[in-house]
Amino acid sequence: MIKNIVFDIGNVLAAFRWKEYIAELGFDDSTCARVAQATTLSPMWREVDRNVMPLNDIIEACIKSDPGIEREIRLFFEDRRRLVMEYDYASSWMEELKKRGYKIYLLSNYSQDHFQYISSKFSFFGLEDGRLLSCEVKLLKPDRRIYEALFERYGLDPEECVFLDDSPENIKGATDAGMKGIVFENYDQGSTELEKLLSF
């Protein structure tokens, strides 16, 4: 029986709008593509969330991958607040599930500085019963240890948990760790699949 619902943040409760953000910086299409390859599509982007390397070192590594757009890469990293935008259904969905007696947890690959900003701005923060972020434990999904760290921190039985994440790889990590999993595509699909699981 499911007692705990675990949400990823990016592309589940809030849009990770990196394409729009890069376009809003005013670059032409070619430069936008190069900035994306050097930042959000680069392996170095995961290191932002892991919170082991200093951010300046990550920025320098991104620049090294395409030195011709150093100015643009630095501009990208100046203010990343607009990278994520809260979905309008997020808080009401969590509130409705809590009223039905489910515990709500957040498990996300997230950078420390960016989380500090969104946690003060997004309305769904504070509704959760607990959370675990990659930047806190220096681990990234789908590493099995990050799921186990969530279970240990809050005394959760993985068989009583369902995890919603937009990444199939992360859901496989969750199911390998003993949870149920839903690959989240959009609210209608995700909430429908969740209700099917909760009905058992």
Protein backbone atom coordinates (compact mmCIF):
# COMPACT_ATOMS: atom_id res chain seq x y z
CA MET A 1 0.00 0.00 0.00
CA ILE A 2 1.33 3.42 -0.97
CA LYS A 3 1.71 5.83 1.93
CA ASN A 4 4.41 8.16 0.61
CA ILE A 5 4.50 10.13 -2.64
CA VAL A 6 7.93 11.35 -3.70
CA PHE A 7 8.23 14.10 -6.31
CA ASP A 8 11.12 15.26 -8.41
CA ILE A 9 11.07 19.05 -8.84
CA GLY A 10 12.29 19.86 -12.35
CA ASN A 11 9.70 19.11 -15.08
CA VAL A 12 7.33 17.63 -12.49
CA LEU A 13 6.47 20.44 -10.07
CA ALA A 14 8.34 23.20 -11.95
CA ALA A 15 9.33 23.65 -15.58
CA PHE A 16 13.05 23.40 -16.31
CA ARG A 17 12.87 25.97 -19.13
CA TRP A 18 16.50 26.10 -20.23
CA LYS A 19 15.73 26.62 -23.92
CA GLU A 20 13.52 29.63 -23.18
CA TYR A 21 16.01 31.04 -20.68
CA ILE A 22 18.91 30.89 -23.14
CA ALA A 23 16.76 32.49 -25.86
CA GLU A 24 15.79 35.29 -23.45
CA LEU A 25 19.47 36.19 -23.11
CA GLY A 26 19.25 37.62 -26.63
CA PHE A 27 21.60 35.32 -28.54
CA ASP A 28 21.07 34.29 -32.16
CA ASP A 29 19.97 30.70 -32.84
CA SER A 30 23.49 29.44 -33.50
CA THR A 31 24.85 30.95 -30.27
CA CYS A 32 21.89 29.61 -28.30
CA ALA A 33 22.73 26.10 -29.50
CA ARG A 34 26.40 26.53 -28.57
CA VAL A 35 25.58 27.88 -25.11
CA ALA A 36 23.23 24.95 -24.51
CA GLN A 37 25.89 22.43 -25.53
CA ALA A 38 28.42 24.08 -23.22
CA THR A 39 26.07 24.33 -20.22
CA THR A 40 22.79 22.47 -19.69
CA LEU A 41 23.59 19.74 -22.24
CA SER A 42 27.15 19.33 -20.99
CA PRO A 43 28.24 16.60 -18.54
CA MET A 44 29.45 19.45 -16.35
CA TRP A 45 25.86 20.51 -15.69
CA ARG A 46 25.36 17.52 -13.40
CA GLU A 47 28.28 18.74 -11.33
CA VAL A 48 26.31 21.92 -10.52
CA ASP A 49 23.73 19.71 -8.81
CA ARG A 50 26.28 17.40 -7.18
CA ASN A 51 27.79 20.38 -5.32
CA VAL A 52 31.30 18.96 -5.05
CA MET A 53 33.17 21.22 -7.49
CA PRO A 54 33.21 24.99 -6.89
CA LEU A 55 30.84 26.76 -9.28
CA ASN A 56 33.68 28.87 -10.71
CA ASP A 57 35.53 25.69 -11.67
CA ILE A 58 32.44 24.39 -13.42
CA ILE A 59 32.03 27.66 -15.31
CA GLU A 60 35.67 27.53 -16.42
CA ALA A 61 35.23 23.95 -17.61
CA CYS A 62 32.16 24.98 -19.63
CA ILE A 63 34.13 27.84 -21.18
CA LYS A 64 37.02 25.51 -22.00
CA SER A 65 34.62 23.39 -24.05
CA ASP A 66 33.83 26.40 -26.30
CA PRO A 67 36.14 29.37 -25.59
CA GLY A 68 34.64 31.41 -28.44
CA ILE A 69 31.50 32.08 -26.41
CA GLU A 70 33.08 32.83 -23.04
CA ARG A 71 31.07 36.04 -22.60
CA GLU A 72 27.80 34.28 -23.37
CA ILE A 73 28.53 31.39 -20.99
CA ARG A 74 29.35 33.80 -18.18
CA LEU A 75 26.12 35.67 -18.87
CA PHE A 76 24.22 32.39 -18.69
CA PHE A 77 25.57 31.71 -15.20
CA GLU A 78 25.00 35.26 -13.89
CA ASP A 79 21.33 34.80 -12.99
CA ARG A 80 19.82 31.35 -13.35
CA ARG A 81 16.62 32.11 -11.45
CA ARG A 82 14.54 32.14 -14.62
CA LEU A 83 15.66 28.62 -15.51
CA VAL A 84 12.78 27.15 -13.49
CA MET A 85 9.14 28.24 -13.27
CA GLU A 86 6.57 26.73 -10.89
CA TYR A 87 3.69 24.85 -12.48
CA ASP A 88 0.30 26.24 -11.47
CA TYR A 89 -0.96 22.82 -10.37
CA ALA A 90 1.97 21.99 -8.06
CA SER A 91 0.79 23.28 -4.69
CA SER A 92 -2.88 22.34 -5.12
CA TRP A 93 -1.91 18.80 -6.15
CA MET A 94 0.30 18.37 -3.11
CA GLU A 95 -2.33 19.84 -0.79
CA GLU A 96 -5.02 17.52 -2.14
CA LEU A 97 -2.82 14.44 -1.64
CA LYS A 98 -1.92 15.52 1.89
CA LYS A 99 -5.61 15.95 2.78
CA ARG A 100 -6.08 12.33 1.78
CA GLY A 101 -3.45 11.28 4.29
CA TYR A 102 -0.41 10.76 2.06
CA LYS A 103 3.03 11.95 3.09
CA ILE A 104 4.80 14.08 0.49
CA TYR A 105 8.56 14.13 -0.11
CA LEU A 106 10.83 15.86 -2.61
CA LEU A 107 13.86 14.11 -4.13
CA SER A 108 15.73 16.14 -6.71
CA ASN A 109 19.06 16.78 -8.35
CA TYR A 110 19.41 20.44 -7.43
CA SER A 111 22.13 23.04 -6.91
CA GLN A 112 22.41 24.69 -3.52
CA ASP A 113 22.37 28.33 -4.63
CA HIS A 114 19.45 27.90 -7.01
CA PHE A 115 17.42 25.95 -4.46
CA GLN A 116 17.85 28.70 -1.89
CA TYR A 117 16.17 31.08 -4.32
CA ILE A 118 13.27 28.92 -5.49
CA SER A 119 12.49 27.60 -2.00
CA SER A 120 11.62 31.15 -0.97
CA LYS A 121 9.58 31.88 -4.11
CA PHE A 122 7.64 28.75 -5.06
CA SER A 123 4.36 28.16 -3.24
CA PHE A 124 4.67 24.38 -2.88
CA PHE A 125 7.75 24.53 -0.65
CA GLY A 126 6.77 23.93 2.95
CA LEU A 127 3.95 21.57 1.98
CA GLU A 128 6.31 18.60 1.85
CA ASP A 129 6.90 16.33 4.84
CA GLY A 130 10.57 16.07 3.95
CA ARG A 131 13.07 16.53 1.16
CA LEU A 132 16.48 15.38 0.04
CA LEU A 133 18.56 17.23 -2.54
CA SER A 134 21.62 16.10 -4.45
CA CYS A 135 23.58 19.13 -3.26
CA GLU A 136 23.11 18.03 0.37
CA VAL A 137 24.38 14.47 0.00
CA LYS A 138 26.77 14.93 -2.97
CA LEU A 139 24.94 12.19 -4.85
CA LEU A 140 22.91 12.28 -8.05
CA LYS A 141 19.94 10.26 -9.24
CA PRO A 142 19.92 7.51 -10.41
CA ASP A 143 22.64 6.45 -7.95
CA ARG A 144 20.91 3.94 -5.66
CA ARG A 145 22.49 5.60 -2.62
CA ILE A 146 20.46 8.79 -3.01
CA TYR A 147 17.17 6.87 -2.79
CA GLU A 148 18.46 4.93 0.20
CA ALA A 149 19.50 8.20 1.84
CA LEU A 150 15.89 9.41 1.55
CA PHE A 151 14.57 6.20 3.12
CA GLU A 152 17.07 6.41 5.96
CA ARG A 153 16.52 10.10 6.68
CA TYR A 154 12.75 9.74 7.06
CA GLY A 155 12.38 6.10 8.07
CA LEU A 156 10.54 5.18 4.88
CA ASP A 157 9.70 1.70 3.64
CA PRO A 158 10.46 1.81 -0.12
CA GLU A 159 7.55 -0.55 -0.81
CA GLU A 160 5.22 2.13 0.57
CA CYS A 161 6.65 4.83 -1.74
CA VAL A 162 5.96 5.93 -5.30
CA PHE A 163 8.34 8.27 -7.14
CA LEU A 164 7.41 10.64 -9.98
CA ASP A 165 10.26 11.86 -12.16
CA ASP A 166 10.50 12.91 -15.81
CA SER A 167 13.61 10.78 -16.41
CA PRO A 168 13.15 7.05 -17.20
CA GLU A 169 16.69 6.48 -15.94
CA ASN A 170 15.84 8.02 -12.57
CA ILE A 171 12.66 5.97 -12.31
CA LYS A 172 14.62 2.80 -12.99
CA GLY A 173 16.96 3.78 -10.16
CA ALA A 174 13.95 4.24 -7.90
CA THR A 175 12.35 0.92 -8.79
CA ASP A 176 15.69 -0.87 -8.38
CA ALA A 177 15.75 0.62 -4.87
CA GLY A 178 12.31 -0.84 -4.15
CA MET A 179 9.91 1.99 -4.91
CA LYS A 180 7.08 2.14 -7.39
CA GLY A 181 7.79 4.60 -10.19
CA ILE A 182 6.00 6.80 -12.70
CA VAL A 183 7.77 8.45 -15.63
CA PHE A 184 6.14 11.87 -15.55
CA GLU A 185 5.22 13.44 -18.91
CA ASN A 186 2.56 15.95 -17.91
CA TYR A 187 0.06 16.53 -15.11
CA ASP A 188 -2.88 14.70 -16.71
CA GLN A 189 -0.82 11.59 -17.46
CA GLY A 190 1.11 11.65 -14.19
CA SER A 191 -1.89 12.21 -11.93
CA THR A 192 -3.90 9.52 -13.77
CA GLU A 193 -1.13 6.94 -13.35
CA LEU A 194 -0.70 7.94 -9.72
CA GLU A 195 -4.38 7.47 -8.98
CA LYS A 196 -4.28 3.99 -10.50
CA LEU A 197 -1.45 3.05 -8.13
CA LEU A 198 -3.16 4.61 -5.11
CA SER A 199 -6.37 2.67 -5.79
CA PHE A 200 -4.75 -0.70 -5.03
